Amino acid sequence: MNLHKLILTNNACYKAGRTITPKGIMVHSTGANNPNLKRYVGPDDGLLGKNQYNNHWNQDKPDGRQVCVHGFIGKLADGSVATYQTLPWNMRGWHCGSGSKGSGNDTHIGFEICEDGLTDASYFSAVYKEAVELCVYLCKQYNLTEKDVICHCEGYKLGIASNHGDVMHWFPKHGKSMDTFRAEVGKLLVASGTEQPDASADEPAIFEQYRVRVSIATLNIRKGPGTDYGALGKYTGKGVFTIVEEADGAGASKWGLLKSYKKSRAGWISLDYTTKL
């Protein structure tokens, strides 16, 4: 696997800062005839090449959409195939929407394979192999098996993703399916052993909620982590509150999400005016 890292820190998904405990991997493909990584990953790191339209996903809402995945597989500027990690693997991505039974965003790592015209056998073979190796790497890292790997199409059938057909509009054109894909992941897992790579160096720890004391009556509750987000018109008042997430943002050294507001994704306060208990 030719793995590189360029985290999409300007994407609103990354800024949200939510983490998950990965329980599976979801394979996607982009649905557009453009195999170049620079279309989605940027800015140019010297390997990707320059995106003249600057429409990569390292911006708040790419193409006006709330989308972000953990990685992309496609072509570098020199034509070789590579994988780019674009979110921390245990960060909650925006890659599959939701279905009748919830959202795979809450449980699955999601990555995209950059599509070409779907007929180039050599390109398909290269990205297919890269995707198998990425799944093996992630399975070993998060104690998963090949049975935990699905595609977006399968996610929809399971009720945890929106109605998309990827990757089953592409794989069969080259004699492959998700069953063959999983079989190759399983075979490589056995061949490579069970030693787990150390993820602690580059993955954020799973957040543990804690309580804080607020000693002022007029601490604003905001819609997001920063003074650039609007106030809800409410104050905490003095008391003890539970913080379920932290995030960086304008106007404070750190922002905290109040437990009672978690469902609505609102309710952020500046932690500069609190004392941790």
Protein backbone atom coordinates (compact mmCIF):
# COMPACT_ATOMS: atom_id res chain seq x y z
CA MET A 1 0.00 0.00 0.00
CA ASN A 2 1.25 3.44 -0.97
CA LEU A 3 -0.15 5.37 2.01
CA HIS A 4 0.14 9.14 2.47
CA LYS A 5 -1.61 11.56 4.79
CA LEU A 6 -3.19 14.95 4.13
CA ILE A 7 -5.89 15.65 6.70
CA LEU A 8 -8.74 17.85 5.42
CA THR A 9 -8.57 20.27 8.34
CA ASN A 10 -10.65 22.94 6.59
CA ASN A 11 -13.60 20.61 6.07
CA ALA A 12 -16.55 21.20 8.41
CA CYS A 13 -16.56 17.48 9.23
CA TYR A 14 -13.04 17.68 10.68
CA LYS A 15 -13.93 20.87 12.53
CA ALA A 16 -16.88 19.09 14.17
CA GLY A 17 -14.31 16.89 15.90
CA ARG A 18 -16.58 13.94 16.67
CA THR A 19 -15.02 10.51 17.18
CA ILE A 20 -16.30 6.96 16.79
CA THR A 21 -15.27 3.47 17.74
CA PRO A 22 -14.91 1.87 14.28
CA LYS A 23 -16.99 -1.28 13.92
CA GLY A 24 -16.61 -1.66 10.18
CA ILE A 25 -15.28 -0.29 6.91
CA MET A 26 -17.42 1.03 4.05
CA VAL A 27 -15.99 1.09 0.52
CA HIS A 28 -17.20 3.85 -1.81
CA SER A 29 -16.36 4.99 -5.32
CA THR A 30 -16.68 8.57 -6.49
CA GLY A 31 -19.18 8.22 -9.35
CA ALA A 32 -17.22 10.58 -11.60
CA ASN A 33 -14.77 9.90 -14.42
CA ASN A 34 -11.74 11.46 -12.78
CA PRO A 35 -9.13 9.11 -11.31
CA ASN A 36 -6.87 11.92 -10.07
CA LEU A 37 -6.47 12.32 -6.32
CA LYS A 38 -5.92 16.07 -6.70
CA ARG A 39 -9.63 16.43 -7.57
CA TYR A 40 -10.49 15.55 -3.97
CA VAL A 41 -7.32 15.94 -1.89
CA GLY A 42 -5.46 19.22 -1.58
CA PRO A 43 -3.62 21.45 -1.60
CA ASP A 44 -0.78 20.01 -3.68
CA ASP A 45 1.86 18.38 -1.51
CA GLY A 46 4.31 17.91 -4.37
CA LEU A 47 2.90 14.50 -5.29
CA LEU A 48 -0.75 15.23 -5.98
CA GLY A 49 -0.34 17.93 -8.61
CA LYS A 50 -2.15 21.25 -8.68
CA ASN A 51 -5.94 21.36 -8.88
CA GLN A 52 -6.52 24.32 -11.18
CA TYR A 53 -10.19 24.57 -10.14
CA ASN A 54 -9.40 24.45 -6.42
CA ASN A 55 -12.48 22.27 -5.91
CA HIS A 56 -10.84 19.68 -3.67
CA TRP A 57 -12.51 18.71 -0.39
CA ASN A 58 -10.16 20.59 1.94
CA GLN A 59 -12.71 23.34 2.40
CA ASP A 60 -15.69 23.89 4.68
CA LYS A 61 -18.41 22.45 2.42
CA PRO A 62 -17.02 21.03 -0.86
CA ASP A 63 -19.32 21.85 -3.76
CA GLY A 64 -21.73 23.21 -1.15
CA ARG A 65 -22.19 19.78 0.46
CA GLN A 66 -21.47 18.34 3.88
CA VAL A 67 -19.21 15.51 2.76
CA CYS A 68 -15.95 14.04 3.99
CA VAL A 69 -14.35 10.60 3.99
CA HIS A 70 -11.42 9.04 5.79
CA GLY A 71 -9.41 8.39 2.66
CA PHE A 72 -9.14 8.35 -1.12
CA ILE A 73 -7.47 5.93 -3.52
CA GLY A 74 -6.49 7.17 -6.97
CA LYS A 75 -3.72 8.55 -9.16
CA LEU A 76 -0.89 10.86 -8.21
CA ALA A 77 0.48 13.39 -10.69
CA ASP A 78 3.00 10.86 -11.99
CA GLY A 79 0.24 8.35 -12.77
CA SER A 80 1.02 5.95 -9.94
CA VAL A 81 -1.72 4.80 -7.57
CA ALA A 82 -1.74 5.83 -3.91
CA THR A 83 -3.94 6.04 -0.82
CA TYR A 84 -4.40 9.33 1.04
CA GLN A 85 -5.72 9.40 4.58
CA THR A 86 -7.88 12.53 4.84
CA LEU A 87 -9.42 12.19 8.32
CA PRO A 88 -8.19 10.51 11.50
CA TRP A 89 -9.48 6.95 11.16
CA ASN A 90 -11.57 7.18 14.32
CA MET A 91 -13.16 10.53 13.51
CA ARG A 92 -16.83 10.50 12.52
CA GLY A 93 -16.98 11.01 8.76
CA TRP A 94 -19.75 12.24 6.47
CA HIS A 95 -19.59 9.52 3.86
CA CYS A 96 -22.79 7.45 3.69
CA GLY A 97 -25.80 9.40 4.90
CA SER A 98 -28.33 7.31 6.79
CA GLY A 99 -31.03 4.69 6.36
CA SER A 100 -33.94 3.17 8.24
CA LYS A 101 -31.65 1.72 10.93
CA GLY A 102 -29.35 4.67 11.49
CA SER A 103 -26.11 5.89 9.96
CA GLY A 104 -22.89 4.09 9.12
CA ASN A 105 -21.17 7.39 9.79
CA ASP A 106 -21.47 6.49 13.46
CA THR A 107 -19.83 3.09 13.08
CA HIS A 108 -17.81 2.79 9.87
CA ILE A 109 -14.60 4.13 8.40
CA GLY A 110 -15.37 5.21 4.83
CA PHE A 111 -13.03 5.67 1.89
CA GLU A 112 -13.51 6.50 -1.79
CA ILE A 113 -11.90 4.88 -4.81
CA CYS A 114 -11.56 7.47 -7.59
CA GLU A 115 -13.38 6.19 -10.65
CA ASP A 116 -12.17 6.44 -14.22
CA GLY A 117 -14.23 5.41 -17.23
CA LEU A 118 -14.71 1.99 -15.55
CA THR A 119 -13.15 0.06 -18.45
CA ASP A 120 -9.40 0.34 -17.79
CA ALA A 121 -8.43 -3.08 -16.40
CA SER A 122 -4.94 -2.02 -15.32
CA TYR A 123 -6.19 0.96 -13.34
CA PHE A 124 -8.94 -1.11 -11.73
CA SER A 125 -6.47 -3.82 -10.76
CA ALA A 126 -4.18 -1.28 -9.11
CA VAL A 127 -6.87 0.51 -7.07
CA TYR A 128 -8.59 -2.77 -6.16
CA LYS A 129 -5.32 -4.10 -4.75
CA GLU A 130 -4.70 -0.84 -2.91
CA ALA A 131 -8.21 -0.98 -1.41
CA VAL A 132 -7.72 -4.57 -0.24
CA GLU A 133 -4.45 -3.61 1.46
CA LEU A 134 -6.03 -0.54 3.08
CA CYS A 135 -8.83 -2.70 4.50
CA VAL A 136 -6.28 -5.17 5.87
CA TYR A 137 -4.37 -2.31 7.51
CA LEU A 138 -7.56 -0.95 9.11
CA CYS A 139 -8.81 -4.37 10.17
CA LYS A 140 -5.57 -5.02 12.02
CA GLN A 141 -5.63 -1.58 13.56
CA TYR A 142 -9.18 -1.84 14.92
CA ASN A 143 -9.49 -5.59 15.49
CA LEU A 144 -11.91 -6.10 12.59
CA THR A 145 -12.26 -8.96 10.11
CA GLU A 146 -13.17 -9.16 6.44
CA LYS A 147 -16.79 -9.73 7.54
CA ASP A 148 -16.84 -6.14 8.78
CA VAL A 149 -16.15 -4.73 5.30
CA ILE A 150 -19.10 -3.58 3.17
CA CYS A 151 -19.69 -1.21 0.26
CA HIS A 152 -22.13 1.71 0.11
CA CYS A 153 -24.64 -0.41 -1.81
CA GLU A 154 -24.60 -3.03 0.93
CA GLY A 155 -24.87 -0.31 3.58
CA TYR A 156 -28.10 0.85 1.96
CA LYS A 157 -29.50 -2.69 2.01
CA LEU A 158 -28.56 -2.96 5.69
CA GLY A 159 -30.43 0.29 6.44
CA ILE A 160 -27.40 2.35 7.50
CA ALA A 161 -26.66 4.33 4.32
CA SER A 162 -28.33 6.36 1.60
CA ASN A 163 -29.45 4.79 -1.67
CA HIS A 164 -26.24 4.51 -3.71
CA GLY A 165 -25.05 1.67 -5.94
CA ASP A 166 -21.30 1.92 -5.45
CA VAL A 167 -19.22 -0.16 -5.85
CA MET A 168 -21.37 -2.80 -7.53
CA HIS A 169 -21.74 -0.80 -10.76
CA TRP A 170 -17.95 -1.09 -11.23
CA PHE A 171 -16.49 -4.24 -9.65
CA PRO A 172 -18.50 -6.75 -11.75
CA LYS A 173 -17.20 -5.15 -14.96
CA HIS A 174 -13.82 -6.61 -14.00
CA GLY A 175 -15.03 -9.93 -12.64
CA LYS A 176 -15.02 -8.83 -8.99
CA SER A 177 -17.65 -8.43 -6.27
CA MET A 178 -17.68 -7.52 -2.59
CA ASP A 179 -17.57 -11.24 -1.83
CA THR A 180 -14.33 -11.63 -3.77
CA PHE A 181 -13.05 -8.43 -2.20
CA ARG A 182 -13.75 -9.68 1.33
CA ALA A 183 -12.18 -13.03 0.51
CA GLU A 184 -8.97 -11.31 -0.58
CA VAL A 185 -8.96 -9.14 2.54
CA GLY A 186 -9.37 -12.27 4.67
CA LYS A 187 -6.63 -14.13 2.84
CA LEU A 188 -4.19 -11.26 3.26
CA LEU A 189 -5.10 -10.87 6.95
CA VAL A 190 -4.14 -14.48 7.55
CA ALA A 191 -0.96 -14.16 5.51
CA SER A 192 0.14 -10.97 7.28
CA GLY A 193 -0.46 -12.23 10.81
CA THR A 194 -2.29 -10.50 13.63
CA GLU A 195 0.23 -7.95 14.89
CA GLN A 196 -1.55 -4.67 15.53
CA PRO A 197 0.03 -1.39 14.39
CA ASP A 198 0.20 1.34 17.01
CA ALA A 199 -2.45 3.92 16.23
CA SER A 200 -1.83 6.04 19.32
CA ALA A 201 0.71 8.33 17.67
CA ASP A 202 -1.66 9.84 15.11
CA GLU A 203 -5.21 9.12 16.30
CA PRO A 204 -7.09 11.22 18.82
CA ALA A 205 -8.12 9.39 21.98
CA ILE A 206 -11.78 8.47 22.41
CA PHE A 207 -13.28 11.36 24.37
CA GLU A 208 -14.44 10.75 27.94
CA GLN A 209 -17.08 13.15 29.21
CA TYR A 210 -16.44 15.14 32.38
CA ARG A 211 -18.08 17.74 34.60
CA VAL A 212 -17.27 21.41 34.99
CA ARG A 213 -18.38 24.13 37.37
CA VAL A 214 -19.56 27.49 35.98
CA SER A 215 -19.24 30.36 38.43
CA ILE A 216 -20.75 33.16 36.35
CA ALA A 217 -24.44 33.60 35.56
CA THR A 218 -24.09 34.98 32.03
CA LEU A 219 -22.01 32.39 30.15
CA ASN A 220 -23.37 32.29 26.59
CA ILE A 221 -24.48 29.00 25.03
CA ARG A 222 -23.62 29.00 21.33
CA LYS A 223 -24.68 26.97 18.29
CA GLY A 224 -21.11 25.89 17.59
CA PRO A 225 -17.58 25.94 19.04
CA GLY A 226 -16.58 29.56 18.54
CA THR A 227 -17.66 33.17 18.78
CA ASP A 228 -18.26 33.05 15.03
CA TYR A 229 -21.28 30.87 15.79
CA GLY A 230 -24.51 32.52 16.86
CA ALA A 231 -25.66 32.53 20.48
CA LEU A 232 -28.79 30.58 21.39
CA GLY A 233 -30.04 33.45 23.52
CA LYS A 234 -29.53 31.38 26.66
CA TYR A 235 -27.05 31.37 29.52
CA THR A 236 -25.86 28.45 31.59
CA GLY A 237 -26.33 30.15 34.91
CA LYS A 238 -24.14 29.06 37.79
CA GLY A 239 -23.83 25.33 38.41
CA VAL A 240 -22.26 22.03 37.42
CA PHE A 241 -22.52 20.78 33.81
CA THR A 242 -21.37 17.75 31.85
CA ILE A 243 -19.11 18.23 28.81
CA VAL A 244 -19.45 15.52 26.14
CA GLU A 245 -17.12 16.93 23.47
CA GLU A 246 -14.33 19.46 23.10
CA ALA A 247 -13.35 21.52 20.06
CA ASP A 248 -11.09 24.39 19.09
CA GLY A 249 -12.66 27.61 17.92
CA ALA A 250 -12.47 31.38 17.84
CA GLY A 251 -12.71 33.33 21.08
CA ALA A 252 -11.59 30.69 23.59
CA SER A 253 -8.71 28.34 24.24
CA LYS A 254 -11.20 25.43 24.15
CA TRP A 255 -14.96 24.94 23.69
CA GLY A 256 -17.16 22.29 25.30
CA LEU A 257 -20.47 20.75 24.23
CA LEU A 258 -23.09 20.53 26.97
CA LYS A 259 -24.62 17.08 27.44
CA SER A 260 -28.24 18.19 27.32
CA TYR A 261 -27.70 19.67 23.84
CA LYS A 262 -25.88 16.73 22.23
CA LYS A 263 -28.84 15.57 20.08
CA SER A 264 -29.31 18.97 18.47
CA ARG A 265 -25.55 19.51 18.08
CA ALA A 266 -25.94 22.93 19.71
CA GLY A 267 -25.03 24.08 23.18
CA TRP A 268 -21.31 24.98 23.14
CA ILE A 269 -19.70 27.01 25.92
CA SER A 270 -16.26 28.54 26.40
CA LEU A 271 -14.30 26.37 28.83
CA ASP A 272 -12.22 29.38 29.82
CA TYR A 273 -15.00 30.30 32.26
CA THR A 274 -15.25 26.85 33.85
CA THR A 275 -13.42 24.74 36.41
CA LYS A 276 -12.99 21.04 35.67
CA LEU A 277 -14.17 18.78 38.51
